[in-house]
């Protein structure tokens, strides 16, 4: 019974972080939508309100900005859909003897010439780089996607495995400390 409660707690924290990432994606989508709308309206206003060449150039620039915001919004929507698909399939449970896969919470030690630090990473299909704060502000995890350099190195690793990755121009050794 204690083991099932422990597994339930691990699943709950994973679900919590997935919900946090969903909220972050919702904010990204809304922000990109607002920016797209604002720049599109400005482009339309400039195009219809003036025959000056300068206004035409500005309108074209605003139109390109609106298009960029639209692409950013569509990318965020696609990533949100991938996250929702992943969450609907159910949260996997990993044990320390398992290999790292998508859905794993992984504690790593990172060592370089300046010292060492520990981090908790959450391997998800999307969301690389997002820092998600734990319940009640207790700690945080960094989301890593399988296509990122760290994600590629983590996929299939086991507790105790080490690998080197260059991040921000610095060569670092990463060691998997725990997995759930």
N, C-alpha and C. Protein backbone atom coordinates (compact mmCIF):
# COMPACT_ATOMS: atom_id res chain seq x y z
N UNK A 1 0.82 -1.20 0.00
CA UNK A 1 0.00 0.00 0.00
C UNK A 1 0.86 1.26 0.00
N UNK A 2 1.95 1.26 0.78
CA UNK A 2 2.82 2.43 0.82
C UNK A 2 3.44 2.69 -0.55
N UNK A 3 3.79 1.61 -1.25
CA UNK A 3 4.38 1.76 -2.58
C UNK A 3 3.40 2.41 -3.55
N UNK A 4 2.13 2.03 -3.51
CA UNK A 4 1.16 2.63 -4.42
C UNK A 4 0.94 4.10 -4.09
N UNK A 5 0.99 4.47 -2.80
CA UNK A 5 0.88 5.89 -2.43
C UNK A 5 2.08 6.67 -2.96
N UNK A 6 3.28 6.06 -2.86
CA UNK A 6 4.49 6.73 -3.36
C UNK A 6 4.40 6.93 -4.87
N UNK A 7 3.95 5.91 -5.58
CA UNK A 7 3.80 6.04 -7.03
C UNK A 7 2.74 7.08 -7.36
N UNK A 8 1.64 7.08 -6.60
CA UNK A 8 0.59 8.08 -6.82
C UNK A 8 1.12 9.48 -6.62
N UNK A 9 1.97 9.68 -5.62
CA UNK A 9 2.56 10.99 -5.37
C UNK A 9 3.45 11.43 -6.52
N UNK A 10 4.22 10.51 -7.07
CA UNK A 10 5.09 10.83 -8.20
C UNK A 10 4.26 11.19 -9.43
N UNK A 11 3.18 10.44 -9.64
CA UNK A 11 2.30 10.75 -10.77
C UNK A 11 1.62 12.10 -10.56
N UNK A 12 1.23 12.40 -9.32
CA UNK A 12 0.59 13.68 -9.04
C UNK A 12 1.52 14.85 -9.35
N UNK A 13 2.78 14.74 -8.98
CA UNK A 13 3.72 15.84 -9.23
C UNK A 13 3.96 15.98 -10.74
N UNK A 14 4.03 14.87 -11.44
CA UNK A 14 4.19 14.95 -12.90
C UNK A 14 2.97 15.62 -13.52
N UNK A 15 1.79 15.22 -13.08
CA UNK A 15 0.56 15.85 -13.60
C UNK A 15 0.54 17.34 -13.29
N UNK A 16 0.99 17.69 -12.10
CA UNK A 16 1.05 19.10 -11.71
C UNK A 16 1.92 19.88 -12.70
N UNK A 17 3.12 19.34 -13.00
CA UNK A 17 4.02 20.04 -13.91
C UNK A 17 3.47 20.09 -15.33
N UNK A 18 2.78 19.05 -15.77
CA UNK A 18 2.15 19.09 -17.09
C UNK A 18 1.08 20.18 -17.12
N UNK A 19 0.30 20.31 -16.05
CA UNK A 19 -0.71 21.37 -15.98
C UNK A 19 -0.06 22.75 -16.01
N UNK A 20 1.08 22.89 -15.33
CA UNK A 20 1.81 24.16 -15.36
C UNK A 20 2.28 24.49 -16.77
N UNK A 21 2.77 23.49 -17.50
CA UNK A 21 3.21 23.71 -18.87
C UNK A 21 2.03 24.05 -19.77
N UNK A 22 0.89 23.42 -19.54
CA UNK A 22 -0.32 23.77 -20.30
C UNK A 22 -0.68 25.23 -20.08
N UNK A 23 -0.61 25.68 -18.82
CA UNK A 23 -0.89 27.09 -18.53
C UNK A 23 0.08 28.01 -19.27
N UNK A 24 1.36 27.62 -19.26
CA UNK A 24 2.37 28.43 -19.95
C UNK A 24 2.07 28.50 -21.45
N UNK A 25 1.69 27.37 -22.04
CA UNK A 25 1.34 27.38 -23.46
C UNK A 25 0.10 28.23 -23.71
N UNK A 26 -0.87 28.17 -22.83
CA UNK A 26 -2.05 29.02 -22.97
C UNK A 26 -1.68 30.50 -23.00
N UNK A 27 -0.74 30.89 -22.13
CA UNK A 27 -0.27 32.27 -22.10
C UNK A 27 0.47 32.62 -23.39
N UNK A 28 1.30 31.71 -23.88
CA UNK A 28 2.04 31.95 -25.13
C UNK A 28 1.06 32.15 -26.30
N UNK A 29 0.05 31.29 -26.36
CA UNK A 29 -0.92 31.35 -27.45
C UNK A 29 -1.70 32.66 -27.39
N UNK A 30 -2.14 33.04 -26.19
CA UNK A 30 -2.88 34.29 -26.03
C UNK A 30 -2.02 35.50 -26.37
N UNK A 31 -0.80 35.51 -25.91
CA UNK A 31 0.11 36.63 -26.18
C UNK A 31 0.39 36.77 -27.68
N UNK A 32 0.67 35.66 -28.33
CA UNK A 32 0.93 35.70 -29.77
C UNK A 32 -0.32 36.13 -30.53
N UNK A 33 -1.50 35.68 -30.09
CA UNK A 33 -2.75 36.08 -30.73
C UNK A 33 -3.01 37.57 -30.60
N UNK A 34 -2.76 38.10 -29.40
CA UNK A 34 -2.93 39.55 -29.20
C UNK A 34 -1.97 40.35 -30.08
N UNK A 35 -0.70 39.92 -30.11
CA UNK A 35 0.29 40.61 -30.93
C UNK A 35 -0.05 40.52 -32.41
N UNK A 36 -0.51 39.35 -32.85
CA UNK A 36 -0.92 39.16 -34.24
C UNK A 36 -2.06 40.12 -34.59
N UNK A 37 -3.06 40.18 -33.74
CA UNK A 37 -4.22 41.03 -33.97
C UNK A 37 -3.84 42.51 -34.02
N UNK A 38 -3.03 42.93 -33.07
CA UNK A 38 -2.62 44.33 -32.99
C UNK A 38 -1.83 44.75 -34.22
N UNK A 39 -0.87 43.94 -34.64
CA UNK A 39 -0.05 44.31 -35.80
C UNK A 39 -0.85 44.23 -37.09
N UNK A 40 -1.76 43.26 -37.19
CA UNK A 40 -2.61 43.16 -38.39
C UNK A 40 -3.53 44.37 -38.49
N UNK A 41 -4.10 44.79 -37.37
CA UNK A 41 -4.96 45.98 -37.37
C UNK A 41 -4.18 47.22 -37.77
N UNK A 42 -2.96 47.34 -37.26
CA UNK A 42 -2.13 48.50 -37.59
C UNK A 42 -1.76 48.49 -39.07
N UNK A 43 -1.44 47.34 -39.61
CA UNK A 43 -1.13 47.23 -41.04
C UNK A 43 -2.33 47.64 -41.88
N UNK A 44 -3.49 47.15 -41.51
CA UNK A 44 -4.72 47.49 -42.23
C UNK A 44 -5.02 48.98 -42.16
N UNK A 45 -4.85 49.55 -40.97
CA UNK A 45 -5.09 50.99 -40.78
C UNK A 45 -4.15 51.81 -41.66
N UNK A 46 -2.89 51.44 -41.68
CA UNK A 46 -1.91 52.19 -42.47
C UNK A 46 -2.17 52.04 -43.97
N UNK A 47 -2.57 50.85 -44.40
CA UNK A 47 -2.83 50.62 -45.81
C UNK A 47 -4.04 51.41 -46.30
N UNK A 48 -5.08 51.43 -45.50
CA UNK A 48 -6.31 52.08 -45.96
C UNK A 48 -6.33 53.59 -45.70
N UNK A 49 -5.52 54.04 -44.79
CA UNK A 49 -5.61 55.44 -44.38
C UNK A 49 -4.66 56.39 -45.07
N UNK A 50 -3.78 55.91 -45.91
CA UNK A 50 -2.80 56.82 -46.47
C UNK A 50 -2.30 56.31 -47.82
N UNK A 51 -1.90 57.25 -48.62
CA UNK A 51 -1.30 56.88 -49.90
C UNK A 51 0.19 57.20 -49.90
N UNK A 52 0.71 57.63 -48.77
CA UNK A 52 2.14 57.94 -48.68
C UNK A 52 2.96 56.66 -48.77
N UNK A 53 4.07 56.78 -49.47
CA UNK A 53 4.95 55.63 -49.67
C UNK A 53 5.50 55.10 -48.33
N UNK A 54 5.84 56.02 -47.43
CA UNK A 54 6.38 55.63 -46.12
C UNK A 54 5.36 54.78 -45.36
N UNK A 55 4.09 55.17 -45.43
CA UNK A 55 3.05 54.42 -44.74
C UNK A 55 2.89 53.03 -45.36
N UNK A 56 3.05 52.94 -46.66
CA UNK A 56 2.96 51.64 -47.33
C UNK A 56 4.06 50.71 -46.87
N UNK A 57 5.27 51.24 -46.70
CA UNK A 57 6.39 50.42 -46.22
C UNK A 57 6.14 49.98 -44.78
N UNK A 58 5.65 50.90 -43.98
CA UNK A 58 5.36 50.57 -42.58
C UNK A 58 4.24 49.53 -42.50
N UNK A 59 3.23 49.69 -43.36
CA UNK A 59 2.13 48.72 -43.38
C UNK A 59 2.64 47.34 -43.77
N UNK A 60 3.54 47.28 -44.75
CA UNK A 60 4.11 45.99 -45.16
C UNK A 60 4.90 45.36 -44.02
N UNK A 61 5.66 46.19 -43.30
CA UNK A 61 6.43 45.69 -42.17
C UNK A 61 5.49 45.17 -41.08
N UNK A 62 4.42 45.91 -40.78
CA UNK A 62 3.45 45.47 -39.78
C UNK A 62 2.79 44.15 -40.23
N UNK A 63 2.53 44.02 -41.51
CA UNK A 63 1.96 42.77 -42.04
C UNK A 63 2.90 41.60 -41.85
N UNK A 64 4.21 41.83 -42.07
CA UNK A 64 5.19 40.76 -41.84
C UNK A 64 5.27 40.40 -40.36
N UNK A 65 5.18 41.41 -39.50
CA UNK A 65 5.18 41.14 -38.06
C UNK A 65 3.96 40.32 -37.67
N UNK A 66 2.80 40.67 -38.21
CA UNK A 66 1.58 39.92 -37.92
C UNK A 66 1.73 38.47 -38.37
N UNK A 67 2.34 38.28 -39.53
CA UNK A 67 2.57 36.93 -40.05
C UNK A 67 3.50 36.14 -39.12
N UNK A 68 4.53 36.79 -38.59
CA UNK A 68 5.45 36.14 -37.65
C UNK A 68 4.74 35.74 -36.37
N UNK A 69 3.89 36.62 -35.86
CA UNK A 69 3.13 36.32 -34.65
C UNK A 69 2.15 35.17 -34.91
N UNK A 70 1.57 35.12 -36.11
CA UNK A 70 0.66 34.04 -36.48
C UNK A 70 1.40 32.70 -36.47
N UNK A 71 2.61 32.68 -37.06
CA UNK A 71 3.41 31.46 -37.06
C UNK A 71 3.76 31.03 -35.63
N UNK A 72 4.11 32.01 -34.79
CA UNK A 72 4.45 31.71 -33.39
C UNK A 72 3.23 31.14 -32.66
N UNK A 73 2.05 31.71 -32.91
CA UNK A 73 0.82 31.22 -32.28
C UNK A 73 0.51 29.80 -32.76
N UNK A 74 0.61 29.57 -34.07
CA UNK A 74 0.32 28.24 -34.61
C UNK A 74 1.30 27.19 -34.08
N UNK A 75 2.57 27.57 -33.92
CA UNK A 75 3.56 26.65 -33.36
C UNK A 75 3.20 26.31 -31.92
N UNK A 76 2.82 27.31 -31.15
CA UNK A 76 2.43 27.07 -29.75
C UNK A 76 1.18 26.19 -29.68
N UNK A 77 0.23 26.40 -30.58
CA UNK A 77 -0.98 25.57 -30.61
C UNK A 77 -0.60 24.12 -30.93
N UNK A 78 0.28 23.92 -31.91
CA UNK A 78 0.71 22.56 -32.27
C UNK A 78 1.43 21.88 -31.10
N UNK A 79 2.26 22.63 -30.41
CA UNK A 79 2.97 22.06 -29.26
C UNK A 79 2.00 21.75 -28.13
N UNK A 80 1.02 22.62 -27.92
CA UNK A 80 0.00 22.36 -26.89
C UNK A 80 -0.76 21.08 -27.22
N UNK A 81 -1.10 20.90 -28.50
CA UNK A 81 -1.80 19.68 -28.91
C UNK A 81 -0.95 18.44 -28.66
N UNK A 82 0.35 18.53 -28.92
CA UNK A 82 1.25 17.39 -28.66
C UNK A 82 1.31 17.10 -27.16
N UNK A 83 1.33 18.13 -26.35
CA UNK A 83 1.34 17.95 -24.90
C UNK A 83 0.03 17.31 -24.43
N UNK A 84 -1.08 17.77 -24.96
CA UNK A 84 -2.38 17.19 -24.59
C UNK A 84 -2.46 15.73 -25.00
N UNK A 85 -1.99 15.40 -26.20
CA UNK A 85 -1.98 14.00 -26.66
C UNK A 85 -1.15 13.13 -25.71
N UNK A 86 0.02 13.64 -25.33
CA UNK A 86 0.88 12.91 -24.40
C UNK A 86 0.17 12.69 -23.06
N UNK A 87 -0.41 13.74 -22.52
CA UNK A 87 -1.07 13.65 -21.21
C UNK A 87 -2.26 12.70 -21.24
N UNK A 88 -2.99 12.67 -22.36
CA UNK A 88 -4.15 11.79 -22.48
C UNK A 88 -3.77 10.31 -22.48
N UNK A 89 -2.58 9.99 -22.95
CA UNK A 89 -2.14 8.59 -23.00
C UNK A 89 -1.81 8.06 -21.60
N UNK A 90 -1.68 8.95 -20.64
CA UNK A 90 -1.35 8.53 -19.27
C UNK A 90 0.11 8.77 -18.96
N UNK A 91 0.36 9.09 -17.73
CA UNK A 91 1.71 9.43 -17.29
C UNK A 91 2.49 8.16 -16.97
N UNK A 92 3.61 7.95 -17.63
CA UNK A 92 4.41 6.75 -17.35
C UNK A 92 5.12 6.86 -15.99
N UNK A 93 5.34 5.72 -15.39
CA UNK A 93 6.08 5.66 -14.14
C UNK A 93 7.41 4.98 -14.44
N UNK A 94 8.48 5.58 -13.99
CA UNK A 94 9.82 5.02 -14.17
C UNK A 94 10.38 4.65 -12.81
N UNK A 95 11.11 3.57 -12.79
CA UNK A 95 11.81 3.15 -11.59
C UNK A 95 13.30 3.38 -11.82
N UNK A 96 14.08 3.50 -10.76
CA UNK A 96 15.51 3.81 -10.91
C UNK A 96 16.28 2.85 -11.83
N UNK A 97 15.81 1.62 -11.99
CA UNK A 97 16.53 0.66 -12.85
C UNK A 97 16.14 0.80 -14.33
N UNK A 98 15.08 1.57 -14.62
CA UNK A 98 14.60 1.73 -15.99
C UNK A 98 15.50 2.68 -16.79
N UNK A 99 15.28 2.67 -18.10
CA UNK A 99 15.94 3.63 -18.99
C UNK A 99 15.07 4.88 -19.08
N UNK A 100 15.72 6.02 -19.20
CA UNK A 100 15.01 7.30 -19.30
C UNK A 100 14.22 7.34 -20.61
N UNK A 101 12.99 7.80 -20.51
CA UNK A 101 12.12 7.97 -21.67
C UNK A 101 11.23 9.18 -21.46
N UNK A 102 10.41 9.47 -22.44
CA UNK A 102 9.51 10.61 -22.36
C UNK A 102 8.55 10.41 -21.19
N UNK A 103 8.41 11.43 -20.38
CA UNK A 103 7.57 11.37 -19.19
C UNK A 103 8.36 11.14 -17.92
N UNK A 104 9.67 11.02 -18.03
CA UNK A 104 10.51 10.77 -16.85
C UNK A 104 10.90 12.08 -16.17
N UNK A 105 10.85 12.05 -14.86
CA UNK A 105 11.47 13.11 -14.04
C UNK A 105 12.86 12.59 -13.71
N UNK A 106 13.88 13.36 -14.03
CA UNK A 106 15.25 12.89 -13.91
C UNK A 106 16.06 13.89 -13.09
N UNK A 107 16.68 13.41 -12.01
CA UNK A 107 17.62 14.24 -11.26
C UNK A 107 19.01 14.02 -11.86
N UNK A 108 19.67 15.12 -12.18
CA UNK A 108 21.01 15.03 -12.76
C UNK A 108 21.98 15.89 -11.97
N UNK A 109 23.23 15.50 -12.03
CA UNK A 109 24.31 16.32 -11.50
C UNK A 109 25.08 16.84 -12.71
N UNK A 110 25.33 18.14 -12.73
CA UNK A 110 26.03 18.77 -13.84
C UNK A 110 27.34 19.31 -13.30
N UNK A 111 28.44 18.91 -13.94
CA UNK A 111 29.75 19.31 -13.46
C UNK A 111 30.53 19.95 -14.60
N UNK A 112 31.16 21.08 -14.29
CA UNK A 112 32.07 21.72 -15.23
C UNK A 112 33.22 22.34 -14.44
N UNK A 113 34.03 23.15 -15.11
CA UNK A 113 35.22 23.71 -14.47
C UNK A 113 34.88 24.65 -13.31
N UNK A 114 33.65 25.14 -13.24
CA UNK A 114 33.27 26.07 -12.17
C UNK A 114 32.67 25.35 -10.96
N UNK A 115 32.39 24.06 -11.08
CA UNK A 115 31.81 23.32 -9.96
C UNK A 115 30.72 22.38 -10.43
N UNK A 116 29.84 22.06 -9.49
CA UNK A 116 28.76 21.15 -9.82
C UNK A 116 27.45 21.64 -9.23
N UNK A 117 26.37 21.20 -9.87
CA UNK A 117 25.03 21.55 -9.41
C UNK A 117 24.11 20.38 -9.73
N UNK A 118 22.97 20.35 -9.05
CA UNK A 118 21.97 19.33 -9.34
C UNK A 118 20.73 20.01 -9.88
N UNK A 119 20.07 19.34 -10.81
CA UNK A 119 18.83 19.83 -11.40
C UNK A 119 17.86 18.67 -11.57
N UNK A 120 16.59 19.05 -11.61
CA UNK A 120 15.56 18.07 -11.95
C UNK A 120 15.03 18.43 -13.31
N UNK A 121 15.04 17.47 -14.21
CA UNK A 121 14.58 17.67 -15.58
C UNK A 121 13.32 16.82 -15.79
N UNK A 122 12.41 17.34 -16.60
CA UNK A 122 11.20 16.60 -16.95
C UNK A 122 11.23 16.42 -18.45
N UNK A 123 11.38 15.20 -18.90
CA UNK A 123 11.47 14.89 -20.32
C UNK A 123 10.06 14.80 -20.89
N UNK A 124 9.69 15.79 -21.69
CA UNK A 124 8.36 15.86 -22.31
C UNK A 124 8.51 16.03 -23.82
N UNK A 125 7.47 15.72 -24.58
CA UNK A 125 7.58 15.81 -26.04
C UNK A 125 7.81 17.22 -26.55
N UNK A 126 7.42 18.23 -25.79
CA UNK A 126 7.57 19.65 -26.17
C UNK A 126 7.87 20.47 -24.92
N UNK A 127 8.24 21.72 -25.13
CA UNK A 127 8.40 22.64 -24.01
C UNK A 127 9.83 22.85 -23.56
N UNK A 128 10.80 22.43 -24.34
CA UNK A 128 12.20 22.57 -23.94
C UNK A 128 12.51 23.96 -23.42
N UNK A 129 13.20 23.98 -22.29
CA UNK A 129 13.65 25.24 -21.71
C UNK A 129 12.69 25.84 -20.71
N UNK A 130 11.45 25.38 -20.69
CA UNK A 130 10.49 25.94 -19.72
C UNK A 130 10.91 25.55 -18.31
N UNK A 131 10.90 26.53 -17.42
CA UNK A 131 11.17 26.28 -16.00
C UNK A 131 9.84 26.33 -15.28
N UNK A 132 9.47 25.22 -14.66
CA UNK A 132 8.18 25.11 -14.00
C UNK A 132 8.39 25.03 -12.50
N UNK A 133 7.68 25.88 -11.77
CA UNK A 133 7.81 25.92 -10.32
C UNK A 133 6.90 24.87 -9.70
N UNK A 134 7.43 24.21 -8.68
CA UNK A 134 6.68 23.16 -8.00
C UNK A 134 5.53 23.72 -7.17
N UNK A 135 4.69 22.83 -6.65
CA UNK A 135 3.55 23.25 -5.84
C UNK A 135 4.01 24.11 -4.66
N UNK A 136 3.32 25.21 -4.47
CA UNK A 136 3.65 26.10 -3.36
C UNK A 136 5.00 26.79 -3.52
N UNK A 137 5.52 26.83 -4.75
CA UNK A 137 6.81 27.47 -4.99
C UNK A 137 7.99 26.61 -4.55
N UNK A 138 7.74 25.34 -4.29
CA UNK A 138 8.77 24.44 -3.80
C UNK A 138 9.60 23.89 -4.96
N UNK A 139 10.75 24.48 -5.21
CA UNK A 139 11.66 24.00 -6.24
C UNK A 139 11.12 24.20 -7.65
N UNK A 140 11.88 23.75 -8.62
CA UNK A 140 11.44 23.85 -10.00
C UNK A 140 12.07 22.74 -10.82
N UNK A 141 11.46 22.49 -11.97
CA UNK A 141 12.02 21.54 -12.93
C UNK A 141 12.21 22.28 -14.24
N UNK A 142 13.13 21.78 -15.03
CA UNK A 142 13.37 22.31 -16.37
C UNK A 142 12.87 21.26 -17.35
N UNK A 143 12.04 21.69 -18.30
CA UNK A 143 11.52 20.78 -19.30
C UNK A 143 12.58 20.58 -20.39
N UNK A 144 12.74 19.33 -20.78
CA UNK A 144 13.68 18.95 -21.84
C UNK A 144 12.91 18.09 -22.82
N UNK A 145 13.04 18.37 -24.10
CA UNK A 145 12.39 17.57 -25.14
C UNK A 145 13.40 16.59 -25.74
N UNK A 146 12.93 15.46 -26.24
CA UNK A 146 13.84 14.44 -26.79
C UNK A 146 14.71 14.93 -27.95
N UNK A 147 14.26 15.97 -28.65
CA UNK A 147 15.03 16.47 -29.80
C UNK A 147 16.13 17.45 -29.40
N UNK A 148 16.11 17.92 -28.15
CA UNK A 148 17.14 18.85 -27.69
C UNK A 148 18.43 18.09 -27.43
N UNK A 149 19.57 18.77 -27.38
CA UNK A 149 20.84 18.06 -27.11
C UNK A 149 20.82 17.29 -25.78
N UNK A 150 20.27 17.91 -24.73
CA UNK A 150 20.21 17.22 -23.44
C UNK A 150 19.22 16.05 -23.53
N UNK A 151 18.09 16.27 -24.17
CA UNK A 151 17.10 15.20 -24.33
C UNK A 151 17.64 14.02 -25.09
N UNK A 152 18.37 14.29 -26.17
CA UNK A 152 18.98 13.19 -26.95
C UNK A 152 19.93 12.37 -26.08
N UNK A 153 20.72 13.06 -25.27
CA UNK A 153 21.68 12.36 -24.41
C UNK A 153 20.97 11.58 -23.30
N UNK A 154 19.87 12.12 -22.79
CA UNK A 154 19.14 11.47 -21.70
C UNK A 154 18.37 10.23 -22.15
N UNK A 155 17.80 10.28 -23.36
CA UNK A 155 16.96 9.17 -23.83
C UNK A 155 17.74 7.86 -23.77
N UNK A 156 17.22 6.91 -23.02
CA UNK A 156 17.84 5.60 -22.91
C UNK A 156 18.89 5.49 -21.82
N UNK A 157 19.23 6.61 -21.18
CA UNK A 157 20.22 6.56 -20.10
C UNK A 157 19.63 5.88 -18.87
N UNK A 158 20.50 5.46 -17.99
CA UNK A 158 20.10 4.84 -16.72
C UNK A 158 20.75 5.59 -15.56
N UNK A 159 20.21 5.37 -14.36
CA UNK A 159 20.80 5.96 -13.17
C UNK A 159 22.27 5.52 -13.11
N UNK A 160 23.14 6.49 -12.90
CA UNK A 160 24.58 6.24 -12.86
C UNK A 160 25.30 6.56 -14.16
N UNK A 161 24.56 6.63 -15.27
CA UNK A 161 25.19 6.95 -16.56
C UNK A 161 25.63 8.41 -16.58
N UNK A 162 26.75 8.65 -17.25
CA UNK A 162 27.27 10.01 -17.44
C UNK A 162 27.49 10.27 -18.92
N UNK A 163 27.39 11.53 -19.30
CA UNK A 163 27.63 11.93 -20.68
C UNK A 163 28.06 13.39 -20.69
N UNK A 164 28.74 13.79 -21.76
CA UNK A 164 29.19 15.17 -21.89
C UNK A 164 28.37 15.88 -22.95
N UNK A 165 28.01 17.12 -22.64
CA UNK A 165 27.26 17.96 -23.56
C UNK A 165 27.82 19.36 -23.46
N UNK A 166 27.93 20.03 -24.59
CA UNK A 166 28.31 21.43 -24.60
C UNK A 166 27.04 22.26 -24.54
N UNK A 167 26.91 23.05 -23.49
CA UNK A 167 25.76 23.93 -23.30
C UNK A 167 26.29 25.34 -23.07
N UNK A 168 25.74 26.28 -23.82
CA UNK A 168 26.19 27.68 -23.73
C UNK A 168 27.70 27.81 -23.90
N UNK A 169 28.26 26.98 -24.78
CA UNK A 169 29.68 27.04 -25.08
C UNK A 169 30.57 26.42 -24.02
N UNK A 170 29.98 25.79 -23.02
CA UNK A 170 30.76 25.17 -21.95
C UNK A 170 30.54 23.67 -21.97
N UNK A 171 31.64 22.92 -21.92
CA UNK A 171 31.58 21.46 -21.87
C UNK A 171 31.23 21.05 -20.45
N UNK A 172 30.15 20.28 -20.32
CA UNK A 172 29.69 19.87 -19.00
C UNK A 172 29.47 18.36 -18.98
N UNK A 173 29.75 17.76 -17.83
CA UNK A 173 29.47 16.34 -17.64
C UNK A 173 28.18 16.21 -16.85
N UNK A 174 27.27 15.42 -17.39
CA UNK A 174 25.97 15.20 -16.77
C UNK A 174 25.92 13.76 -16.28
N UNK A 175 25.43 13.58 -15.06
CA UNK A 175 25.28 12.24 -14.49
C UNK A 175 23.85 12.08 -14.01
N UNK A 176 23.21 10.99 -14.42
CA UNK A 176 21.85 10.69 -13.98
C UNK A 176 21.90 10.17 -12.56
N UNK A 177 21.25 10.89 -11.64
CA UNK A 177 21.25 10.50 -10.23
C UNK A 177 20.01 9.70 -9.82
N UNK A 178 18.86 10.08 -10.37
CA UNK A 178 17.61 9.41 -9.99
C UNK A 178 16.61 9.57 -11.12
N UNK A 179 15.61 8.72 -11.08
CA UNK A 179 14.62 8.66 -12.15
C UNK A 179 13.30 8.23 -11.57
N UNK A 180 12.22 8.92 -11.98
CA UNK A 180 10.88 8.46 -11.58
C UNK A 180 9.87 8.83 -12.64
